[in-house]
Amino acid sequence: MSDILKNKKQILTMTAAVTVSAAFQAFALTSFSVPAGIYPSGISGMSRLVSDILMDFFKIDLPFFYLYLLINIILAIIVYKHIGKLFTIFSVLQTTLVSVFSSFFPAFRILDDPLLIALFGGVISGFGVSIALTNGASSGGTDFLSIYYSNKYHRSMWDYVFAFNSVLIFIAGMLYHWQIAAYSIIFQYASNMIVSKRHKRYTHQAIIIVTKKPDEVIDSILKNVRHGITKIAAKGAYKGADETMLYTVVNAFQTTEVVKYALEGDPQAFIETRNTLNVYGNYYQKPLD
């Protein structure tokens, strides 16, 4: 019964999260990106650019949100088996809602200064994406590919996403105006900064614990977090007392809880955390669902 209630609560939470996320993204598109001619990052930006090219050069009126939804569904089908069912379903729901909201939200300019439009539009868009990511879904598109890559190799794919966006901006600059490309860079940078600050799933931290109660600390951690821990015999330099150094690597979003459990095992433990660039080999990545 408790598992059923937990699942219902999770589904309700994810539904609310992706709805709010989609509303923020659609608002950023209709009131900032589209009126100013700025191209957002990822599949939404590519869809906007393709839609503009079809209209301006071939006189074909194909709204960008149709393309956006179609591309996301194709990508979802490709990665469905590798990134989790709930994650994929709610990511598709998020992108569908973005398309629906974008077609209904009024397109009007809130700001006149293009620099402010790029900055605030990017922040709003990034905040919307981060809401989905931190609640077990995503905004689809390159997020699908990034999550798949990160799950497989335990490292971030944001550099490749940046390269994709750079090509997008270059094409927009060549076909339209380099000023639009410049403001698109600002929009995308602001958006990516918000996402990277709020979404910690694929960043890692090493935790070093020096303790006289290693078994209690290990037991406390492993009851709650599924990560390996290495025991290393150590000796305190000041008093010469025998100690044990415990070493583990966890996702950054798990650091606080691991430190909490370690201190429950030994309130006198000395703990250090440090950022870890990459992780290779046999590392357990908590599933998305």
Protein backbone atom coordinates (compact mmCIF):
# COMPACT_ATOMS: atom_id res chain seq x y z
CA MET A 1 0.00 0.00 0.00
CA SER A 2 2.82 2.39 0.90
CA ASP A 3 4.53 1.68 -2.47
CA ILE A 4 1.30 2.49 -4.32
CA LEU A 5 0.92 5.78 -2.43
CA LYS A 6 4.58 6.56 -3.06
CA ASN A 7 4.18 5.94 -6.79
CA LYS A 8 1.03 8.07 -6.94
CA LYS A 9 2.80 10.87 -5.12
CA GLN A 10 5.78 10.61 -7.48
CA ILE A 11 3.55 10.72 -10.56
CA LEU A 12 1.58 13.71 -9.25
CA THR A 13 4.81 15.52 -8.37
CA MET A 14 6.33 14.84 -11.79
CA THR A 15 3.13 15.89 -13.56
CA ALA A 16 3.04 19.18 -11.68
CA ALA A 17 6.76 19.73 -12.27
CA VAL A 18 6.69 19.18 -16.03
CA THR A 19 3.59 21.38 -16.35
CA VAL A 20 5.29 24.27 -14.55
CA SER A 21 8.50 23.58 -16.46
CA ALA A 22 6.68 23.70 -19.81
CA ALA A 23 4.90 26.93 -18.84
CA PHE A 24 8.23 28.64 -18.06
CA GLN A 25 9.78 27.42 -21.30
CA ALA A 26 6.79 28.42 -23.41
CA PHE A 27 6.74 31.85 -21.75
CA ALA A 28 10.46 32.30 -22.50
CA LEU A 29 9.84 31.35 -26.13
CA THR A 30 6.72 33.39 -26.84
CA SER A 31 7.58 36.55 -24.89
CA PHE A 32 11.38 36.68 -25.24
CA SER A 33 12.88 34.39 -27.88
CA VAL A 34 10.34 34.65 -30.73
CA PRO A 35 9.58 38.42 -30.59
CA ALA A 36 13.29 39.26 -30.51
CA GLY A 37 14.27 36.71 -33.16
CA ILE A 38 16.60 34.97 -30.68
CA TYR A 39 17.33 31.27 -31.06
CA PRO A 40 17.30 29.15 -27.89
CA SER A 41 19.57 26.14 -27.47
CA GLY A 42 18.99 22.54 -28.47
CA ILE A 43 16.08 21.15 -30.44
CA SER A 44 13.85 24.15 -29.70
CA GLY A 45 16.43 26.44 -31.31
CA MET A 46 16.92 24.11 -34.26
CA SER A 47 13.16 23.87 -34.74
CA ARG A 48 12.86 27.66 -34.68
CA LEU A 49 15.67 28.03 -37.20
CA VAL A 50 14.30 25.39 -39.59
CA SER A 51 10.82 26.93 -39.33
CA ASP A 52 12.22 30.40 -40.15
CA ILE A 53 14.26 29.06 -43.08
CA LEU A 54 11.24 27.25 -44.53
CA MET A 55 9.14 30.41 -44.31
CA ASP A 56 11.74 32.99 -45.43
CA PHE A 57 13.38 31.01 -48.23
CA PHE A 58 10.72 28.53 -49.38
CA LYS A 59 7.46 30.21 -48.27
CA ILE A 60 6.43 27.11 -46.32
CA ASP A 61 4.55 27.91 -43.14
CA LEU A 62 5.43 25.21 -40.62
CA PRO A 63 5.17 26.41 -37.00
CA PHE A 64 8.29 25.57 -35.03
CA PHE A 65 6.40 23.83 -32.20
CA TYR A 66 5.22 21.10 -34.64
CA LEU A 67 8.81 20.40 -35.61
CA TYR A 68 9.86 20.59 -31.98
CA LEU A 69 7.34 17.97 -30.95
CA LEU A 70 8.06 15.67 -33.91
CA ILE A 71 11.83 15.64 -33.35
CA ASN A 72 11.39 15.01 -29.63
CA ILE A 73 9.10 12.04 -30.24
CA ILE A 74 11.63 10.52 -32.65
CA LEU A 75 14.47 10.96 -30.13
CA ALA A 76 12.30 9.55 -27.34
CA ILE A 77 11.66 6.39 -29.38
CA ILE A 78 15.40 5.98 -30.01
CA VAL A 79 16.51 6.27 -26.36
CA TYR A 80 13.40 4.90 -24.64
CA LYS A 81 14.96 1.58 -23.57
CA HIS A 82 18.09 3.19 -22.16
CA ILE A 83 16.97 6.08 -19.96
CA GLY A 84 13.91 4.93 -18.01
CA LYS A 85 10.22 4.66 -18.81
CA LEU A 86 8.88 7.34 -16.47
CA PHE A 87 11.67 9.71 -17.47
CA THR A 88 10.87 9.30 -21.17
CA ILE A 89 7.09 9.52 -20.73
CA PHE A 90 7.22 12.68 -18.65
CA SER A 91 9.86 14.25 -20.90
CA VAL A 92 7.55 13.71 -23.88
CA LEU A 93 4.69 15.17 -21.82
CA GLN A 94 6.85 18.21 -21.06
CA THR A 95 7.72 18.82 -24.71
CA THR A 96 4.08 18.30 -25.72
CA LEU A 97 2.97 20.88 -23.18
CA VAL A 98 5.63 23.31 -24.41
CA SER A 99 4.21 22.94 -27.92
CA VAL A 100 0.63 23.39 -26.69
CA PHE A 101 1.42 26.35 -24.44
CA SER A 102 3.52 28.00 -27.19
CA SER A 103 0.59 27.86 -29.58
CA PHE A 104 -1.77 29.48 -27.06
CA PHE A 105 0.40 31.93 -25.11
CA PRO A 106 0.21 35.44 -26.57
CA ALA A 107 3.40 36.58 -28.29
CA PHE A 108 4.22 40.04 -26.97
CA ARG A 109 7.41 41.80 -25.97
CA ILE A 110 7.81 42.50 -22.27
CA LEU A 111 11.19 44.23 -22.72
CA ASP A 112 12.62 46.36 -25.51
CA ASP A 113 16.33 46.10 -24.83
CA PRO A 114 17.61 43.02 -26.76
CA LEU A 115 20.37 42.40 -24.20
CA LEU A 116 17.84 42.27 -21.34
CA ILE A 117 15.56 40.08 -23.46
CA ALA A 118 18.42 37.64 -24.05
CA LEU A 119 19.47 37.58 -20.38
CA PHE A 120 16.04 37.30 -18.76
CA GLY A 121 14.68 35.02 -21.46
CA GLY A 122 17.64 32.68 -21.00
CA VAL A 123 17.26 32.65 -17.21
CA ILE A 124 13.53 31.88 -17.44
CA SER A 125 14.10 29.15 -20.02
CA GLY A 126 16.93 27.59 -17.98
CA PHE A 127 14.85 27.67 -14.83
CA GLY A 128 12.03 25.88 -16.65
CA VAL A 129 14.38 23.17 -17.94
CA SER A 130 15.95 22.70 -14.48
CA ILE A 131 12.51 22.15 -12.89
CA ALA A 132 11.94 19.17 -15.18
CA LEU A 133 15.46 17.79 -14.69
CA THR A 134 15.42 18.00 -10.90
CA ASN A 135 12.08 16.18 -10.79
CA GLY A 136 13.01 13.12 -12.85
CA ALA A 137 12.11 14.36 -16.33
CA SER A 138 13.67 16.67 -18.91
CA SER A 139 12.84 19.12 -21.67
CA GLY A 140 13.57 16.43 -24.25
CA GLY A 141 15.68 17.03 -27.34
CA THR A 142 19.38 17.17 -26.56
CA ASP A 143 18.49 16.32 -22.95
CA PHE A 144 17.53 12.83 -24.17
CA LEU A 145 20.93 12.38 -25.79
CA SER A 146 22.77 13.98 -22.86
CA ILE A 147 21.10 11.72 -20.28
CA TYR A 148 21.75 8.63 -22.40
CA TYR A 149 25.42 9.57 -22.83
CA SER A 150 25.84 10.49 -19.16
CA ASN A 151 24.23 7.24 -17.98
CA LYS A 152 26.55 5.22 -20.21
CA TYR A 153 29.84 7.06 -19.59
CA HIS A 154 29.23 8.72 -16.18
CA ARG A 155 30.21 12.15 -17.44
CA SER A 156 28.53 15.27 -18.70
CA MET A 157 27.77 15.83 -22.39
CA TRP A 158 27.28 19.58 -22.08
CA ASP A 159 30.44 20.30 -24.13
CA TYR A 160 28.93 18.44 -27.10
CA VAL A 161 25.63 20.22 -26.61
CA PHE A 162 27.54 23.52 -26.64
CA ALA A 163 29.21 22.52 -29.92
CA PHE A 164 25.80 21.70 -31.44
CA ASN A 165 24.44 25.06 -30.31
CA SER A 166 27.50 26.85 -31.71
CA VAL A 167 26.84 25.38 -35.16
CA LEU A 168 23.19 26.44 -34.83
CA ILE A 169 24.17 30.01 -33.97
CA PHE A 170 26.73 30.16 -36.81
CA ILE A 171 24.07 29.16 -39.35
CA ALA A 172 21.63 31.71 -37.91
CA GLY A 173 24.30 34.41 -38.12
CA MET A 174 25.14 33.60 -41.75
CA LEU A 175 21.53 33.44 -42.90
CA TYR A 176 20.15 36.34 -40.91
CA HIS A 177 22.23 38.73 -38.83
CA TRP A 178 25.28 38.32 -36.62
CA GLN A 179 23.63 40.50 -33.99
CA ILE A 180 20.87 37.90 -33.66
CA ALA A 181 23.57 35.24 -33.30
CA ALA A 182 25.28 37.27 -30.57
CA TYR A 183 22.10 37.69 -28.55
CA SER A 184 21.30 34.01 -29.06
CA ILE A 185 24.66 33.16 -27.46
CA ILE A 186 23.75 35.29 -24.43
CA PHE A 187 20.32 33.65 -24.21
CA GLN A 188 21.79 30.16 -24.39
CA TYR A 189 24.63 30.91 -21.99
CA ALA A 190 22.21 32.28 -19.37
CA SER A 191 19.96 29.25 -19.81
CA ASN A 192 22.81 26.73 -19.56
CA MET A 193 24.25 28.46 -16.47
CA ILE A 194 20.95 28.08 -14.61
CA VAL A 195 20.64 24.42 -15.64
CA SER A 196 24.24 23.55 -14.66
CA LYS A 197 23.87 25.25 -11.27
CA ARG A 198 20.59 23.54 -10.40
CA HIS A 199 21.06 20.09 -11.96
CA LYS A 200 23.74 18.01 -10.21
CA ARG A 201 22.87 14.49 -11.31
CA TYR A 202 25.90 14.00 -13.55
CA THR A 203 28.51 15.84 -11.51
CA HIS A 204 30.42 13.89 -8.89
CA GLN A 205 32.12 14.49 -5.58
CA ALA A 206 34.70 12.42 -3.73
CA ILE A 207 34.12 12.07 0.02
CA ILE A 208 37.00 11.29 2.40
CA ILE A 209 36.10 10.29 5.95
CA VAL A 210 38.65 9.81 8.73
CA THR A 211 37.11 7.90 11.63
CA LYS A 212 37.76 5.61 14.59
CA LYS A 213 34.44 3.84 13.93
CA PRO A 214 34.69 2.70 10.29
CA ASP A 215 32.22 -0.19 10.56
CA GLU A 216 29.50 2.02 12.07
CA VAL A 217 30.03 4.70 9.42
CA ILE A 218 30.03 2.20 6.54
CA ASP A 219 26.90 0.48 7.86
CA SER A 220 25.09 3.81 8.23
CA ILE A 221 25.95 4.90 4.68
CA LEU A 222 25.29 1.60 2.92
CA LYS A 223 21.87 1.25 4.51
CA ASN A 224 20.81 4.39 2.66
CA VAL A 225 23.08 4.94 -0.35
CA ARG A 226 24.25 2.33 -2.85
CA HIS A 227 27.90 3.22 -3.44
CA GLY A 228 31.14 1.35 -2.78
CA ILE A 229 33.46 2.50 0.01
CA THR A 230 37.20 1.86 0.23
CA LYS A 231 38.83 1.36 3.66
CA ILE A 232 42.41 2.55 4.14
CA ALA A 233 44.37 2.11 7.38
CA ALA A 234 45.69 5.44 8.66
CA LYS A 235 47.49 6.91 11.67
CA GLY A 236 47.00 10.36 13.15
CA ALA A 237 50.22 12.41 12.99
CA TYR A 238 49.51 14.47 16.14
CA LYS A 239 48.67 11.74 18.66
CA GLY A 240 49.73 8.68 16.68
CA ALA A 241 46.28 7.15 17.10
CA ASP A 242 45.11 4.45 14.72
CA GLU A 243 42.41 5.70 12.32
CA THR A 244 40.61 4.47 9.22
CA MET A 245 40.19 6.56 6.08
CA LEU A 246 37.08 5.83 4.04
CA TYR A 247 36.88 6.92 0.41
CA THR A 248 33.84 7.02 -1.85
CA VAL A 249 32.56 8.90 -4.92
CA VAL A 250 28.90 9.91 -5.19
CA ASN A 251 26.70 12.12 -7.33
CA ALA A 252 26.92 15.71 -6.13
CA PHE A 253 23.23 15.78 -5.19
CA GLN A 254 23.87 12.86 -2.79
CA THR A 255 26.78 14.47 -0.93
CA THR A 256 24.70 16.09 1.82
CA GLU A 257 22.88 12.88 2.70
CA VAL A 258 26.09 10.78 2.66
CA VAL A 259 27.77 13.24 5.04
CA LYS A 260 24.69 13.10 7.26
CA TYR A 261 24.74 9.29 7.42
CA ALA A 262 28.49 9.27 8.07
CA LEU A 263 28.09 11.59 11.04
CA GLU A 264 25.26 9.42 12.36
CA GLY A 265 27.76 6.54 12.41
CA ASP A 266 30.49 8.64 14.02
CA PRO A 267 29.70 12.20 15.14
CA GLN A 268 33.45 12.80 15.68
CA ALA A 269 34.45 11.83 12.13
CA PHE A 270 36.52 14.20 10.01
CA ILE A 271 35.00 14.60 6.53
CA GLU A 272 36.28 16.26 3.38
CA THR A 273 34.44 16.60 0.05
CA ARG A 274 36.00 17.55 -3.25
CA ASN A 275 34.81 17.92 -6.83
CA THR A 276 35.59 15.03 -9.19
CA LEU A 277 36.01 15.74 -12.89
CA ASN A 278 35.34 12.28 -14.36
CA VAL A 279 34.52 8.77 -13.15
CA TYR A 280 35.53 5.63 -15.04
CA GLY A 281 34.96 1.92 -14.55
CA ASN A 282 32.45 0.21 -12.30
CA TYR A 283 30.42 3.08 -10.89
CA TYR A 284 26.79 2.73 -9.81
CA GLN A 285 24.52 5.40 -11.26
CA LYS A 286 21.16 5.67 -9.50
CA PRO A 287 18.45 4.89 -12.10
CA LEU A 288 16.11 7.65 -13.24
CA ASP A 289 13.09 5.50 -12.34
